[in-house]
Amino acid sequence: MAKISTEERNKYQEKIKPYRDKIVEIAGREKNVLMAIKKDPRNAALKRLTLVDDMLNLASYQIIISLVSQARLKIKEENALNDGRKSLYKSVIYLEEVVSNYVDVPYADYEEKLVELAHLDAGKRYRLISKMGLAIDLLENAYGDNTKWKWSFVELEGRFAAVAKNIMDLKSAVSNTDPRSPSYEPTVYHLRMIKKLLSQAADRYREKYELSTNRIDDFKQAINFLGALRRIHVLMGDREEVETAKKKLEIWSAKLETDIKRAETQKKG
């Protein structure tokens, strides 16, 4: 690696200063909002939504810092990327606190949590989720294929898939897919995204199980996401997709049972 001159480092620091300033500003605002929630929990969901958006902006600035480092110094700024990863996790966690982190459960189990979001139209919900998905993609791309965090991203992607589903008003989803509905376009795009994310989360957890951890919990989580996908297809009346998901669930569940029995047999010696 070529030695980086003092002049180059100074130019780099000057270039990233506006982003550093924004990071400090957002961190201070986060602290104030959390204190406000603790002092007065009314409208906590709406306050946490501002934190969700702030953490996504924070992650974006941290990713930019790493990209500037690569462009100017030819080195990856791992600290900035790690901070970005933590910010994205916080963003997901804040949204989980608003809409729940449930995966394969009926909508009625968490519908009450969405009451405070009644004013939030389908477009705003979809745009927030799209922003979160873009930030996750940018972070993964910034890390590259050979990162040690490869398998940890499976959890982040899975939790993202869950909140992407849970923020949607599924009770209105069917009526909003009527082309005459003012919420038609964002609802259709959001549903497409949910189906894609749930399917990917299932496949990624299965891949993690097969290629990395061999932990039964990972395989069970893959099945949970597949079950959640089937629920969405049932809700929307996607008959062919329901049958496809059902067959896949049966095959995966049978393999899980076989793997559990094999593990128990090996444990007994």
Foldseek 3Di string as FASTA:
>chain_A
DDDDDPVLVVVLCVVLVVLVVLLVVLVVVVVVLVVVCVVPVVLVLVSLLVLLVSLLSNLVSLLVSQVSCCVRVVDGPVVSLVSSVVSLVSSLVSLCVQQNQAFQDDLVVRVVSCPSVVVPALQNLLVSLVSSVVSLVSSDVSCPDPHPCVLVVLVSLSSSLRSLVRNDPLVCLQVLCPPVHPNNVSSVVSLVVSLVSLQVSLVSLVCCCVPPDVDLVSLVSSLSSLSRSLVSCVSNVVVVVNVVSVVVSVVSVVVSVVSVVVVVVVVVD
